[in-house]
Structure formats: C-alpha cells, structure tokens
Amino acid sequence: MRTAATPTALAILIAIAGLYGDSHAATAPFNVTGHWVGRARPTTGGVVTLIADFTQAAGASTFTGTVVATGRSTETLDVNGVLGPKNRVRFTLTPLPTDTIGRPGVFRGTLNAKTRTIRGTFQIKDEKHHHGAFKLVESSS
C-alpha cells in the first residue's frame, strides 16, 4: 500500500534538491578587479615581491592590469589574463617598452574565491626558462 509523503518529508526533499540542484546552474563569476599583493619564489632561490592591479569588466572572462615585481631590481609589467572554468587563471606579464631588462612571463594558477587568493606556477620566457611558484592575495588597499 502506497502512502503519501508527509509535509515534513516533502520539505526535506525540497531542501536537499536545492542543495544538489542543477549542476549547470549559473553562478556569478568572480571578478579579479582590485589590488593584489604576494610573492613569487623562483626555483633558483630568492623571493620576488608582487604588487598587482587588475581590471575586469563585469561578466567578462578576460582582465588586464599591471604588476610591479621587486627582486634584485624593480620591473613594471603589463598584464593580459583570462579567468576560465573552475576558476583557472592564466595571465601573461609583458615588460613595458621603457623596461630594458624585463622578460615576458606566463603565470597559471587557481583562484580561491573564498580566501581571495590566486596560487600557481610561473615560467619566465628567457634563455634559462626560469620558473617557480607564486601566490597573490586580494588586498583592501
């Protein structure tokens, strides 16, 4: 014999369906616009301080900006980036025309929207293909 679901059981099922609803439901994408600070650690040793300012149009997957990298010297670099699926981040740093010692670099990482951090790896396009790890944290100032 079949019994009807009680109102309590029905409410529980609706709540569970809300938690595990359509996995294709649209979620608001994270916008990387803002001031970010962090460090890059090349595998050759040392630490490079990074100060980044990113701008991303509402709803866009691309962003631009600048990064000031301070290690043995200070370099200012242009940023062209993409925020992809699963919060994957990829951006290229290109030396400004006034910077005579800069080299382009590719940074790949993952954005954690909860902690507002981007972590990943980088490779500098020079004769030695320097590489390492980096972390950026969104700053309020």
N, C-alpha and C. Protein backbone atom coordinates (compact mmCIF):
# COMPACT_ATOMS: atom_id res chain seq x y z
N MET A 1 0.83 -1.17 0.00
CA MET A 1 0.00 0.00 0.00
C MET A 1 0.88 1.24 0.00
N ARG A 2 0.55 2.17 -0.84
CA ARG A 2 1.34 3.39 -1.01
C ARG A 2 0.82 4.48 -0.09
N THR A 3 1.77 5.19 0.55
CA THR A 3 1.34 6.28 1.43
C THR A 3 1.85 7.60 0.88
N ALA A 4 1.15 8.63 1.15
CA ALA A 4 1.56 9.95 0.68
C ALA A 4 2.69 10.47 1.56
N ALA A 5 3.58 11.26 0.97
CA ALA A 5 4.69 11.84 1.72
C ALA A 5 4.14 12.86 2.71
N THR A 6 4.70 12.86 3.89
CA THR A 6 4.27 13.83 4.89
C THR A 6 4.83 15.20 4.52
N PRO A 7 4.22 16.27 5.00
CA PRO A 7 4.73 17.60 4.69
C PRO A 7 6.20 17.77 5.12
N THR A 8 6.60 17.17 6.25
CA THR A 8 7.98 17.27 6.71
C THR A 8 8.93 16.57 5.75
N ALA A 9 8.59 15.39 5.30
CA ALA A 9 9.43 14.65 4.36
C ALA A 9 9.55 15.41 3.05
N LEU A 10 8.45 15.99 2.60
CA LEU A 10 8.47 16.77 1.36
C LEU A 10 9.37 18.00 1.51
N ALA A 11 9.32 18.67 2.63
CA ALA A 11 10.18 19.84 2.87
C ALA A 11 11.65 19.45 2.87
N ILE A 12 11.97 18.29 3.44
CA ILE A 12 13.35 17.81 3.46
C ILE A 12 13.82 17.51 2.04
N LEU A 13 12.98 16.87 1.24
CA LEU A 13 13.35 16.57 -0.14
C LEU A 13 13.57 17.84 -0.96
N ILE A 14 12.74 18.84 -0.75
CA ILE A 14 12.91 20.11 -1.47
C ILE A 14 14.21 20.78 -1.05
N ALA A 15 14.53 20.74 0.24
CA ALA A 15 15.78 21.34 0.72
C ALA A 15 16.99 20.63 0.14
N ILE A 16 16.95 19.30 0.08
CA ILE A 16 18.06 18.53 -0.49
C ILE A 16 18.19 18.84 -1.98
N ALA A 17 17.08 18.92 -2.67
CA ALA A 17 17.13 19.24 -4.11
C ALA A 17 17.75 20.62 -4.32
N GLY A 18 17.48 21.55 -3.42
CA GLY A 18 18.07 22.88 -3.53
C GLY A 18 19.58 22.84 -3.34
N LEU A 19 20.05 21.98 -2.44
CA LEU A 19 21.49 21.87 -2.21
C LEU A 19 22.20 21.21 -3.37
N TYR A 20 21.58 20.21 -3.95
CA TYR A 20 22.20 19.43 -5.02
C TYR A 20 21.49 19.64 -6.34
N GLY A 21 20.99 20.84 -6.54
CA GLY A 21 20.23 21.13 -7.75
C GLY A 21 21.07 21.02 -9.01
N ASP A 22 20.57 21.59 -10.05
CA ASP A 22 21.19 21.54 -11.37
C ASP A 22 22.64 21.99 -11.30
N SER A 23 23.57 21.10 -11.65
CA SER A 23 24.99 21.43 -11.59
C SER A 23 25.37 22.43 -12.67
N HIS A 24 24.49 22.69 -13.60
CA HIS A 24 24.77 23.64 -14.66
C HIS A 24 24.16 25.01 -14.35
N ALA A 25 23.65 25.18 -13.15
CA ALA A 25 23.04 26.45 -12.79
C ALA A 25 24.10 27.55 -12.82
N ALA A 26 23.71 28.70 -13.29
CA ALA A 26 24.66 29.80 -13.42
C ALA A 26 25.03 30.34 -12.06
N THR A 27 26.30 30.59 -11.87
CA THR A 27 26.78 31.23 -10.66
C THR A 27 27.51 32.50 -11.08
N ALA A 28 27.48 33.47 -10.22
CA ALA A 28 28.14 34.74 -10.53
C ALA A 28 29.65 34.50 -10.57
N PRO A 29 30.30 34.84 -11.69
CA PRO A 29 31.74 34.64 -11.77
C PRO A 29 32.47 35.63 -10.85
N PHE A 30 33.61 35.21 -10.39
CA PHE A 30 34.44 36.08 -9.55
C PHE A 30 35.05 37.17 -10.43
N ASN A 31 35.14 38.35 -9.93
CA ASN A 31 35.75 39.45 -10.67
C ASN A 31 37.07 39.78 -9.98
N VAL A 32 38.18 39.72 -10.72
CA VAL A 32 39.51 39.92 -10.13
C VAL A 32 39.91 41.39 -10.02
N THR A 33 39.00 42.31 -10.38
CA THR A 33 39.31 43.73 -10.29
C THR A 33 39.74 44.07 -8.87
N GLY A 34 40.88 44.74 -8.77
CA GLY A 34 41.34 45.17 -7.45
C GLY A 34 42.85 45.14 -7.32
N HIS A 35 43.28 45.31 -6.09
CA HIS A 35 44.69 45.37 -5.73
C HIS A 35 45.09 44.03 -5.10
N TRP A 36 46.15 43.43 -5.60
CA TRP A 36 46.61 42.13 -5.13
C TRP A 36 48.08 42.24 -4.73
N VAL A 37 48.47 41.56 -3.68
CA VAL A 37 49.87 41.54 -3.24
C VAL A 37 50.29 40.10 -3.03
N GLY A 38 51.58 39.84 -3.20
CA GLY A 38 52.06 38.49 -2.98
C GLY A 38 53.52 38.33 -3.30
N ARG A 39 53.90 37.06 -3.51
CA ARG A 39 55.29 36.73 -3.76
C ARG A 39 55.40 35.65 -4.82
N ALA A 40 56.52 35.71 -5.52
CA ALA A 40 56.89 34.63 -6.43
C ALA A 40 58.20 34.05 -5.90
N ARG A 41 58.30 32.73 -5.94
CA ARG A 41 59.50 32.05 -5.47
C ARG A 41 60.09 31.23 -6.62
N PRO A 42 61.13 31.78 -7.27
CA PRO A 42 61.77 31.02 -8.34
C PRO A 42 62.47 29.79 -7.80
N THR A 43 62.57 28.75 -8.60
CA THR A 43 63.26 27.53 -8.16
C THR A 43 64.74 27.77 -7.97
N THR A 44 65.27 28.85 -8.52
CA THR A 44 66.69 29.18 -8.36
C THR A 44 66.97 29.87 -7.04
N GLY A 45 65.94 30.13 -6.25
CA GLY A 45 66.11 30.77 -4.95
C GLY A 45 65.68 32.22 -4.97
N GLY A 46 65.54 32.77 -3.78
CA GLY A 46 65.12 34.16 -3.65
C GLY A 46 63.62 34.32 -3.64
N VAL A 47 63.21 35.55 -3.45
CA VAL A 47 61.79 35.89 -3.41
C VAL A 47 61.59 37.17 -4.20
N VAL A 48 60.54 37.22 -4.98
CA VAL A 48 60.17 38.42 -5.72
C VAL A 48 58.83 38.89 -5.18
N THR A 49 58.77 40.13 -4.73
CA THR A 49 57.52 40.71 -4.23
C THR A 49 56.69 41.17 -5.43
N LEU A 50 55.40 40.83 -5.40
CA LEU A 50 54.49 41.20 -6.49
C LEU A 50 53.40 42.13 -5.97
N ILE A 51 53.17 43.22 -6.66
CA ILE A 51 52.05 44.11 -6.38
C ILE A 51 51.28 44.26 -7.69
N ALA A 52 50.04 43.79 -7.71
CA ALA A 52 49.26 43.74 -8.95
C ALA A 52 47.98 44.56 -8.82
N ASP A 53 47.62 45.18 -9.92
CA ASP A 53 46.33 45.87 -10.03
C ASP A 53 45.65 45.34 -11.28
N PHE A 54 44.50 44.67 -11.09
CA PHE A 54 43.78 44.06 -12.18
C PHE A 54 42.46 44.80 -12.42
N THR A 55 42.02 44.80 -13.68
CA THR A 55 40.72 45.36 -14.06
C THR A 55 40.01 44.35 -14.95
N GLN A 56 38.78 43.99 -14.58
CA GLN A 56 37.97 43.04 -15.34
C GLN A 56 36.58 43.61 -15.49
N ALA A 57 36.11 43.71 -16.72
CA ALA A 57 34.76 44.22 -16.97
C ALA A 57 33.74 43.23 -16.42
N ALA A 58 32.60 43.73 -16.00
CA ALA A 58 31.54 42.88 -15.46
C ALA A 58 31.14 41.82 -16.47
N GLY A 59 31.15 40.57 -16.06
CA GLY A 59 30.74 39.47 -16.92
C GLY A 59 31.79 39.00 -17.91
N ALA A 60 32.93 39.68 -17.98
CA ALA A 60 33.98 39.28 -18.93
C ALA A 60 34.86 38.20 -18.33
N SER A 61 35.47 37.40 -19.18
CA SER A 61 36.40 36.38 -18.70
C SER A 61 37.84 36.84 -18.79
N THR A 62 38.08 37.99 -19.43
CA THR A 62 39.44 38.50 -19.57
C THR A 62 39.66 39.68 -18.62
N PHE A 63 40.93 39.91 -18.30
CA PHE A 63 41.28 41.05 -17.46
C PHE A 63 42.64 41.60 -17.88
N THR A 64 42.90 42.84 -17.49
CA THR A 64 44.17 43.50 -17.79
C THR A 64 44.67 44.15 -16.51
N GLY A 65 45.87 44.71 -16.59
CA GLY A 65 46.40 45.41 -15.43
C GLY A 65 47.90 45.57 -15.50
N THR A 66 48.49 45.81 -14.33
CA THR A 66 49.94 45.92 -14.21
C THR A 66 50.40 45.15 -12.98
N VAL A 67 51.66 44.71 -13.04
CA VAL A 67 52.32 44.07 -11.91
C VAL A 67 53.66 44.76 -11.72
N VAL A 68 53.96 45.13 -10.48
CA VAL A 68 55.28 45.63 -10.14
C VAL A 68 55.98 44.49 -9.40
N ALA A 69 57.07 44.00 -9.98
CA ALA A 69 57.84 42.89 -9.42
C ALA A 69 59.15 43.44 -8.86
N THR A 70 59.40 43.17 -7.58
CA THR A 70 60.62 43.66 -6.95
C THR A 70 61.41 42.48 -6.41
N GLY A 71 62.59 42.30 -6.96
CA GLY A 71 63.55 41.28 -6.53
C GLY A 71 64.89 41.96 -6.46
N ARG A 72 65.82 41.53 -7.30
CA ARG A 72 67.11 42.22 -7.41
C ARG A 72 66.93 43.61 -8.03
N SER A 73 65.90 43.76 -8.83
CA SER A 73 65.56 45.04 -9.44
C SER A 73 64.04 45.17 -9.39
N THR A 74 63.53 46.30 -9.80
CA THR A 74 62.08 46.51 -9.85
C THR A 74 61.66 46.66 -11.29
N GLU A 75 60.66 45.89 -11.68
CA GLU A 75 60.14 45.92 -13.04
C GLU A 75 58.63 46.12 -13.00
N THR A 76 58.13 46.91 -13.93
CA THR A 76 56.69 47.08 -14.09
C THR A 76 56.28 46.38 -15.37
N LEU A 77 55.26 45.53 -15.27
CA LEU A 77 54.85 44.69 -16.40
C LEU A 77 53.36 44.84 -16.68
N ASP A 78 53.00 44.80 -17.95
CA ASP A 78 51.59 44.78 -18.36
C ASP A 78 51.03 43.39 -18.17
N VAL A 79 49.75 43.30 -17.83
CA VAL A 79 49.08 42.02 -17.62
C VAL A 79 47.95 41.86 -18.63
N ASN A 80 47.88 40.69 -19.25
CA ASN A 80 46.72 40.27 -20.05
C ASN A 80 46.36 38.89 -19.54
N GLY A 81 45.14 38.74 -19.01
CA GLY A 81 44.77 37.48 -18.39
C GLY A 81 43.40 36.98 -18.74
N VAL A 82 43.17 35.72 -18.35
CA VAL A 82 41.88 35.05 -18.56
C VAL A 82 41.50 34.32 -17.28
N LEU A 83 40.26 34.49 -16.87
CA LEU A 83 39.70 33.72 -15.77
C LEU A 83 38.79 32.69 -16.40
N GLY A 84 39.20 31.42 -16.35
CA GLY A 84 38.49 30.37 -17.06
C GLY A 84 37.60 29.52 -16.17
N PRO A 85 37.13 28.40 -16.72
CA PRO A 85 36.29 27.49 -15.95
C PRO A 85 37.02 26.98 -14.71
N LYS A 86 36.26 26.65 -13.71
CA LYS A 86 36.78 26.14 -12.44
C LYS A 86 37.79 27.10 -11.81
N ASN A 87 37.59 28.40 -12.06
CA ASN A 87 38.42 29.46 -11.51
C ASN A 87 39.90 29.30 -11.86
N ARG A 88 40.18 28.74 -13.02
CA ARG A 88 41.55 28.67 -13.51
C ARG A 88 41.94 30.05 -14.01
N VAL A 89 43.13 30.48 -13.65
CA VAL A 89 43.62 31.80 -14.03
C VAL A 89 44.89 31.62 -14.85
N ARG A 90 44.98 32.39 -15.93
CA ARG A 90 46.20 32.41 -16.74
C ARG A 90 46.44 33.85 -17.15
N PHE A 91 47.65 34.34 -16.87
CA PHE A 91 47.96 35.69 -17.33
C PHE A 91 49.40 35.78 -17.78
N THR A 92 49.60 36.65 -18.75
CA THR A 92 50.93 36.89 -19.32
C THR A 92 51.40 38.26 -18.85
N LEU A 93 52.64 38.30 -18.38
CA LEU A 93 53.26 39.56 -18.00
C LEU A 93 54.21 39.97 -19.11
N THR A 94 54.03 41.16 -19.62
CA THR A 94 54.86 41.67 -20.71
C THR A 94 55.56 42.93 -20.23
N PRO A 95 56.88 43.01 -20.41
CA PRO A 95 57.59 44.22 -19.98
C PRO A 95 57.08 45.45 -20.71
N LEU A 96 57.05 46.55 -20.01
CA LEU A 96 56.68 47.82 -20.64
C LEU A 96 57.82 48.25 -21.57
N PRO A 97 57.51 49.03 -22.59
CA PRO A 97 58.56 49.46 -23.53
C PRO A 97 59.72 50.19 -22.86
N THR A 98 59.47 50.84 -21.72
CA THR A 98 60.53 51.57 -21.03
C THR A 98 61.42 50.67 -20.18
N ASP A 99 61.02 49.41 -20.00
CA ASP A 99 61.77 48.47 -19.17
C ASP A 99 62.74 47.70 -20.05
N THR A 100 64.03 47.93 -19.87
CA THR A 100 65.03 47.31 -20.75
C THR A 100 65.46 45.93 -20.31
N ILE A 101 65.17 45.53 -19.06
CA ILE A 101 65.64 44.23 -18.60
C ILE A 101 64.52 43.22 -18.39
N GLY A 102 63.29 43.62 -18.61
CA GLY A 102 62.16 42.73 -18.37
C GLY A 102 62.05 41.62 -19.39
N ARG A 103 61.44 40.52 -18.97
CA ARG A 103 61.20 39.37 -19.84
C ARG A 103 59.75 38.96 -19.67
N PRO A 104 59.11 38.52 -20.74
CA PRO A 104 57.71 38.10 -20.59
C PRO A 104 57.61 36.83 -19.75
N GLY A 105 56.51 36.71 -19.03
CA GLY A 105 56.29 35.53 -18.20
C GLY A 105 54.85 35.07 -18.29
N VAL A 106 54.64 33.77 -18.09
CA VAL A 106 53.30 33.20 -18.09
C VAL A 106 53.02 32.64 -16.70
N PHE A 107 51.92 33.09 -16.11
CA PHE A 107 51.51 32.66 -14.79
C PHE A 107 50.22 31.87 -14.94
N ARG A 108 50.17 30.68 -14.33
CA ARG A 108 48.97 29.83 -14.35
C ARG A 108 48.65 29.44 -12.92
N GLY A 109 47.38 29.52 -12.57
CA GLY A 109 47.01 29.17 -11.21
C GLY A 109 45.52 28.96 -11.06
N THR A 110 45.12 28.88 -9.81
CA THR A 110 43.72 28.69 -9.46
C THR A 110 43.31 29.76 -8.47
N LEU A 111 42.17 30.35 -8.73
CA LEU A 111 41.61 31.36 -7.86
C LEU A 111 40.74 30.68 -6.81
N ASN A 112 40.97 31.00 -5.55
CA ASN A 112 40.10 30.54 -4.48
C ASN A 112 39.26 31.74 -4.07
N ALA A 113 37.99 31.76 -4.49
CA ALA A 113 37.13 32.91 -4.24
C ALA A 113 36.85 33.08 -2.74
N LYS A 114 36.85 32.00 -2.00
CA LYS A 114 36.56 32.07 -0.56
C LYS A 114 37.68 32.78 0.19
N THR A 115 38.95 32.41 -0.10
CA THR A 115 40.08 33.04 0.59
C THR A 115 40.63 34.23 -0.19
N ARG A 116 40.11 34.46 -1.40
CA ARG A 116 40.52 35.56 -2.27
C ARG A 116 42.02 35.51 -2.55
N THR A 117 42.46 34.32 -2.96
CA THR A 117 43.86 34.11 -3.29
C THR A 117 43.98 33.46 -4.67
N ILE A 118 45.11 33.71 -5.32
CA ILE A 118 45.46 33.03 -6.55
C ILE A 118 46.81 32.37 -6.30
N ARG A 119 46.87 31.05 -6.49
CA ARG A 119 48.11 30.29 -6.32
C ARG A 119 48.40 29.54 -7.60
N GLY A 120 49.69 29.41 -7.89
CA GLY A 120 50.03 28.65 -9.09
C GLY A 120 51.52 28.66 -9.37
N THR A 121 51.83 28.47 -10.64
CA THR A 121 53.22 28.41 -11.08
C THR A 121 53.45 29.43 -12.18
N PHE A 122 54.72 29.72 -12.43
CA PHE A 122 55.05 30.66 -13.49
C PHE A 122 56.27 30.18 -14.24
N GLN A 123 56.41 30.71 -15.45
CA GLN A 123 57.60 30.46 -16.26
C GLN A 123 57.96 31.77 -16.94
N ILE A 124 59.23 32.15 -16.82
CA ILE A 124 59.73 33.36 -17.47
C ILE A 124 60.35 32.95 -18.80
N LYS A 125 59.96 33.63 -19.85
CA LYS A 125 60.43 33.30 -21.19
C LYS A 125 61.80 33.92 -21.45
N ASP A 126 62.83 33.36 -20.83
CA ASP A 126 64.19 33.82 -21.08
C ASP A 126 65.04 32.63 -21.52
N GLU A 127 66.31 32.86 -21.70
CA GLU A 127 67.18 31.80 -22.20
C GLU A 127 67.28 30.62 -21.25
N LYS A 128 67.02 30.83 -19.96
CA LYS A 128 67.11 29.74 -18.98
C LYS A 128 65.74 29.19 -18.58
N HIS A 129 64.67 29.76 -19.08
CA HIS A 129 63.30 29.34 -18.75
C HIS A 129 63.10 29.23 -17.23
N HIS A 130 63.37 30.32 -16.53
CA HIS A 130 63.16 30.34 -15.09
C HIS A 130 61.71 30.03 -14.77
N HIS A 131 61.49 29.34 -13.66
CA HIS A 131 60.13 29.01 -13.26
C HIS A 131 60.07 28.91 -11.74
N GLY A 132 58.85 28.78 -11.22
CA GLY A 132 58.65 28.68 -9.78
C GLY A 132 57.18 28.75 -9.44
N ALA A 133 56.91 29.13 -8.19
CA ALA A 133 55.54 29.20 -7.68
C ALA A 133 55.23 30.62 -7.25
N PHE A 134 53.94 30.96 -7.24
CA PHE A 134 53.53 32.29 -6.79
C PHE A 134 52.22 32.20 -6.02
N LYS A 135 51.98 33.27 -5.25
CA LYS A 135 50.71 33.41 -4.54
C LYS A 135 50.38 34.90 -4.49
N LEU A 136 49.15 35.23 -4.85
CA LEU A 136 48.63 36.60 -4.75
C LEU A 136 47.41 36.58 -3.84
N VAL A 137 47.28 37.61 -3.01
CA VAL A 137 46.13 37.75 -2.11
C VAL A 137 45.49 39.10 -2.40
N GLU A 138 44.17 39.10 -2.54
CA GLU A 138 43.49 40.37 -2.77
C GLU A 138 43.62 41.25 -1.53
N SER A 139 43.98 42.50 -1.76
CA SER A 139 44.21 43.43 -0.67
C SER A 139 43.11 44.48 -0.67
N SER A 140 42.82 45.00 0.49
CA SER A 140 41.77 46.03 0.60
C SER A 140 42.32 47.42 0.30
N SER A 141 43.65 47.55 0.22
CA SER A 141 44.21 48.88 -0.07
C SER A 141 45.06 48.88 -1.31
